[in-house]
Amino acid sequence: MPNPLQQIPANVRRWLYLAWGVAGLILGACQVADVAALGPVAVDTALEVLAYVGLALGFTAAANVTQEDTAVVKAPANVEVTVTDDESHLIRGEG
């Protein structure tokens, strides 16, 4: 059975992602500007709905990543990496 999230055409997904992003920018700006409501909808409620829509769009995006979309970079065999004590925090992701 095909994944229904993979049945959405790429062009439609692109517009959905764009609309979601623009809605997030608008609602975020409204919240920063202390706008309480947009017509009959409270900004806080709209942001909460946007968060749940974002989950669905995230699953849709993840379902449509193919092997061609990912890149694997291999270091040349003749490269030697030496990590000094003052650089080890970079490997652990601490800054």
N, C-alpha and C. Protein backbone atom coordinates (compact mmCIF):
# COMPACT_ATOMS: atom_id res chain seq x y z
N MET A 1 0.84 -1.17 0.00
CA MET A 1 0.00 0.00 0.00
C MET A 1 0.90 1.25 0.00
N PRO A 2 0.69 2.16 -0.93
CA PRO A 2 1.55 3.35 -1.00
C PRO A 2 1.30 4.29 0.17
N ASN A 3 2.35 4.98 0.54
CA ASN A 3 2.27 5.95 1.62
C ASN A 3 1.49 7.18 1.12
N PRO A 4 0.38 7.56 1.76
CA PRO A 4 -0.40 8.70 1.27
C PRO A 4 0.38 10.01 1.31
N LEU A 5 1.37 10.12 2.19
CA LEU A 5 2.18 11.34 2.25
C LEU A 5 3.09 11.48 1.04
N GLN A 6 3.35 10.35 0.36
CA GLN A 6 4.18 10.38 -0.84
C GLN A 6 3.35 10.63 -2.10
N GLN A 7 2.05 10.69 -1.96
CA GLN A 7 1.17 10.91 -3.10
C GLN A 7 0.96 12.39 -3.40
N ILE A 8 1.40 13.26 -2.51
CA ILE A 8 1.25 14.71 -2.71
C ILE A 8 2.33 15.17 -3.69
N PRO A 9 1.94 15.77 -4.81
CA PRO A 9 2.94 16.21 -5.80
C PRO A 9 3.92 17.23 -5.20
N ALA A 10 5.15 17.20 -5.69
CA ALA A 10 6.21 18.07 -5.16
C ALA A 10 5.82 19.54 -5.23
N ASN A 11 5.19 19.96 -6.31
CA ASN A 11 4.81 21.37 -6.45
C ASN A 11 3.78 21.76 -5.40
N VAL A 12 2.85 20.86 -5.09
CA VAL A 12 1.84 21.15 -4.06
C VAL A 12 2.51 21.22 -2.70
N ARG A 13 3.43 20.29 -2.43
CA ARG A 13 4.16 20.32 -1.15
C ARG A 13 4.93 21.62 -1.01
N ARG A 14 5.56 22.06 -2.07
CA ARG A 14 6.34 23.31 -2.02
C ARG A 14 5.45 24.47 -1.60
N TRP A 15 4.25 24.57 -2.18
CA TRP A 15 3.34 25.66 -1.83
C TRP A 15 2.81 25.52 -0.40
N LEU A 16 2.58 24.28 0.03
CA LEU A 16 2.14 24.07 1.42
C LEU A 16 3.21 24.51 2.41
N TYR A 17 4.47 24.13 2.13
CA TYR A 17 5.56 24.52 3.01
C TYR A 17 5.73 26.05 3.02
N LEU A 18 5.61 26.66 1.86
CA LEU A 18 5.74 28.11 1.77
C LEU A 18 4.62 28.81 2.55
N ALA A 19 3.38 28.33 2.38
CA ALA A 19 2.24 28.93 3.09
C ALA A 19 2.41 28.78 4.60
N TRP A 20 2.88 27.60 5.04
CA TRP A 20 3.09 27.37 6.46
C TRP A 20 4.17 28.31 7.00
N GLY A 21 5.25 28.49 6.24
CA GLY A 21 6.32 29.38 6.67
C GLY A 21 5.87 30.83 6.75
N VAL A 22 5.11 31.28 5.76
CA VAL A 22 4.62 32.66 5.76
C VAL A 22 3.63 32.86 6.92
N ALA A 23 2.76 31.89 7.14
CA ALA A 23 1.82 31.98 8.26
C ALA A 23 2.57 32.07 9.58
N GLY A 24 3.64 31.31 9.72
CA GLY A 24 4.44 31.37 10.94
C GLY A 24 5.09 32.73 11.13
N LEU A 25 5.60 33.31 10.06
CA LEU A 25 6.19 34.65 10.16
C LEU A 25 5.14 35.69 10.55
N ILE A 26 3.98 35.62 9.92
CA ILE A 26 2.92 36.59 10.21
C ILE A 26 2.44 36.44 11.66
N LEU A 27 2.16 35.20 12.07
CA LEU A 27 1.67 34.99 13.43
C LEU A 27 2.73 35.34 14.47
N GLY A 28 3.98 35.01 14.18
CA GLY A 28 5.06 35.37 15.10
C GLY A 28 5.19 36.88 15.24
N ALA A 29 5.09 37.58 14.12
CA ALA A 29 5.16 39.05 14.16
C ALA A 29 3.98 39.61 14.94
N CYS A 30 2.80 39.03 14.76
CA CYS A 30 1.62 39.50 15.51
C CYS A 30 1.81 39.29 17.01
N GLN A 31 2.38 38.16 17.38
CA GLN A 31 2.59 37.91 18.80
C GLN A 31 3.62 38.88 19.38
N VAL A 32 4.69 39.13 18.64
CA VAL A 32 5.71 40.07 19.11
C VAL A 32 5.12 41.48 19.23
N ALA A 33 4.23 41.82 18.29
CA ALA A 33 3.59 43.14 18.31
C ALA A 33 2.45 43.21 19.31
N ASP A 34 2.22 42.13 20.04
CA ASP A 34 1.17 42.06 21.06
C ASP A 34 -0.24 42.22 20.50
N VAL A 35 -0.43 41.65 19.29
CA VAL A 35 -1.77 41.62 18.70
C VAL A 35 -2.49 40.43 19.32
N ALA A 36 -3.65 40.65 19.88
CA ALA A 36 -4.37 39.59 20.60
C ALA A 36 -5.15 38.69 19.66
N ALA A 37 -5.72 39.26 18.60
CA ALA A 37 -6.58 38.46 17.72
C ALA A 37 -6.49 38.96 16.29
N LEU A 38 -6.71 38.04 15.37
CA LEU A 38 -6.85 38.36 13.95
C LEU A 38 -8.28 38.05 13.58
N GLY A 39 -9.12 39.04 13.63
CA GLY A 39 -10.55 38.80 13.41
C GLY A 39 -11.08 37.96 14.56
N PRO A 40 -11.79 36.87 14.25
CA PRO A 40 -12.36 36.06 15.32
C PRO A 40 -11.39 35.04 15.95
N VAL A 41 -10.16 34.99 15.45
CA VAL A 41 -9.21 33.97 15.90
C VAL A 41 -8.14 34.62 16.77
N ALA A 42 -7.94 34.06 17.96
CA ALA A 42 -6.88 34.54 18.84
C ALA A 42 -5.53 34.12 18.26
N VAL A 43 -4.55 35.00 18.34
CA VAL A 43 -3.22 34.72 17.80
C VAL A 43 -2.62 33.50 18.49
N ASP A 44 -2.79 33.39 19.80
CA ASP A 44 -2.25 32.22 20.53
C ASP A 44 -2.85 30.93 20.00
N THR A 45 -4.15 30.92 19.74
CA THR A 45 -4.81 29.73 19.20
C THR A 45 -4.28 29.41 17.81
N ALA A 46 -4.12 30.43 16.99
CA ALA A 46 -3.61 30.22 15.64
C ALA A 46 -2.19 29.65 15.67
N LEU A 47 -1.36 30.12 16.60
CA LEU A 47 -0.01 29.58 16.74
C LEU A 47 -0.03 28.12 17.19
N GLU A 48 -0.95 27.79 18.07
CA GLU A 48 -1.08 26.40 18.51
C GLU A 48 -1.48 25.50 17.35
N VAL A 49 -2.42 25.94 16.55
CA VAL A 49 -2.83 25.16 15.37
C VAL A 49 -1.67 25.04 14.39
N LEU A 50 -0.93 26.13 14.20
CA LEU A 50 0.21 26.12 13.28
C LEU A 50 1.25 25.09 13.72
N ALA A 51 1.44 24.94 15.03
CA ALA A 51 2.39 23.96 15.53
C ALA A 51 1.97 22.54 15.15
N TYR A 52 0.69 22.22 15.27
CA TYR A 52 0.22 20.88 14.90
C TYR A 52 0.26 20.67 13.40
N VAL A 53 -0.03 21.70 12.63
CA VAL A 53 0.09 21.59 11.17
C VAL A 53 1.55 21.36 10.80
N GLY A 54 2.45 22.02 11.53
CA GLY A 54 3.87 21.82 11.29
C GLY A 54 4.31 20.38 11.50
N LEU A 55 3.74 19.71 12.48
CA LEU A 55 4.05 18.29 12.68
C LEU A 55 3.67 17.47 11.45
N ALA A 56 2.48 17.72 10.94
CA ALA A 56 2.03 16.99 9.75
C ALA A 56 2.93 17.28 8.55
N LEU A 57 3.31 18.55 8.39
CA LEU A 57 4.18 18.90 7.28
C LEU A 57 5.56 18.30 7.46
N GLY A 58 6.03 18.20 8.68
CA GLY A 58 7.31 17.56 8.93
C GLY A 58 7.30 16.09 8.56
N PHE A 59 6.24 15.39 8.93
CA PHE A 59 6.11 13.98 8.54
C PHE A 59 6.02 13.84 7.03
N THR A 60 5.31 14.77 6.39
CA THR A 60 5.19 14.74 4.93
C THR A 60 6.56 14.95 4.29
N ALA A 61 7.30 15.92 4.78
CA ALA A 61 8.64 16.17 4.23
C ALA A 61 9.54 14.96 4.43
N ALA A 62 9.51 14.38 5.62
CA ALA A 62 10.36 13.22 5.90
C ALA A 62 9.99 12.04 5.02
N ALA A 63 8.72 11.87 4.74
CA ALA A 63 8.27 10.74 3.91
C ALA A 63 8.70 10.89 2.46
N ASN A 64 9.05 12.09 2.06
CA ASN A 64 9.40 12.34 0.68
C ASN A 64 10.89 12.55 0.44
N VAL A 65 11.72 12.27 1.45
CA VAL A 65 13.16 12.32 1.26
C VAL A 65 13.58 11.00 0.63
N THR A 66 14.31 11.09 -0.44
CA THR A 66 14.79 9.89 -1.13
C THR A 66 16.29 9.78 -0.98
N GLN A 67 16.82 8.65 -1.37
CA GLN A 67 18.27 8.45 -1.31
C GLN A 67 19.00 9.49 -2.15
N GLU A 68 18.40 9.93 -3.25
CA GLU A 68 19.03 10.93 -4.10
C GLU A 68 19.11 12.28 -3.41
N ASP A 69 18.23 12.52 -2.42
CA ASP A 69 18.21 13.79 -1.71
C ASP A 69 19.31 13.89 -0.66
N THR A 70 19.87 12.77 -0.28
CA THR A 70 20.89 12.77 0.77
C THR A 70 22.27 12.65 0.14
N ALA A 71 23.23 13.21 0.79
CA ALA A 71 24.61 13.15 0.30
C ALA A 71 25.50 12.52 1.36
N VAL A 72 26.36 11.66 0.92
CA VAL A 72 27.32 11.05 1.82
C VAL A 72 28.70 11.55 1.40
N VAL A 73 29.38 12.14 2.33
CA VAL A 73 30.71 12.67 2.05
C VAL A 73 31.71 11.79 2.78
N LYS A 74 32.63 11.24 2.02
CA LYS A 74 33.66 10.39 2.61
C LYS A 74 34.99 11.14 2.57
N ALA A 75 35.70 11.09 3.68
CA ALA A 75 37.01 11.72 3.73
C ALA A 75 38.00 10.87 2.94
N PRO A 76 38.92 11.52 2.27
CA PRO A 76 39.95 10.75 1.55
C PRO A 76 40.73 9.88 2.53
N ALA A 77 41.20 8.74 2.06
CA ALA A 77 41.88 7.77 2.92
C ALA A 77 43.18 8.32 3.48
N ASN A 78 43.79 9.28 2.81
CA ASN A 78 45.10 9.76 3.25
C ASN A 78 45.01 10.97 4.19
N VAL A 79 43.84 11.25 4.73
CA VAL A 79 43.67 12.38 5.64
C VAL A 79 43.75 11.89 7.08
N GLU A 80 44.59 12.54 7.88
CA GLU A 80 44.71 12.19 9.29
C GLU A 80 44.16 13.35 10.11
N VAL A 81 43.28 13.04 11.04
CA VAL A 81 42.66 14.07 11.87
C VAL A 81 43.22 13.95 13.28
N THR A 82 43.70 15.06 13.79
CA THR A 82 44.22 15.11 15.15
C THR A 82 43.42 16.13 15.92
N VAL A 83 42.88 15.72 17.05
CA VAL A 83 42.09 16.62 17.88
C VAL A 83 42.89 16.92 19.14
N THR A 84 43.09 18.21 19.36
CA THR A 84 43.80 18.62 20.57
C THR A 84 42.78 18.79 21.70
N ASP A 85 43.27 18.90 22.91
CA ASP A 85 42.39 19.05 24.07
C ASP A 85 41.50 20.27 23.96
N ASP A 86 42.04 21.37 23.43
CA ASP A 86 41.23 22.58 23.35
C ASP A 86 40.20 22.54 22.22
N GLU A 87 40.25 21.54 21.34
CA GLU A 87 39.27 21.41 20.27
C GLU A 87 38.27 20.28 20.52
N SER A 88 38.48 19.47 21.55
CA SER A 88 37.63 18.30 21.76
C SER A 88 36.19 18.68 22.05
N HIS A 89 35.92 19.87 22.58
CA HIS A 89 34.55 20.29 22.84
C HIS A 89 33.75 20.42 21.54
N LEU A 90 34.42 20.67 20.43
CA LEU A 90 33.73 20.79 19.14
C LEU A 90 33.16 19.45 18.70
N ILE A 91 33.86 18.38 18.99
CA ILE A 91 33.38 17.05 18.62
C ILE A 91 32.19 16.64 19.48
N ARG A 92 32.21 17.02 20.74
CA ARG A 92 31.12 16.67 21.64
C ARG A 92 29.91 17.56 21.43
N GLY A 93 30.00 18.59 20.59
CA GLY A 93 28.88 19.47 20.34
C GLY A 93 28.61 20.48 21.44
N GLU A 94 29.64 20.88 22.11
CA GLU A 94 29.49 21.81 23.23
C GLU A 94 29.84 23.24 22.86
N GLY A 95 29.88 23.55 21.62
CA GLY A 95 30.19 24.93 21.26
C GLY A 95 31.07 24.99 20.14
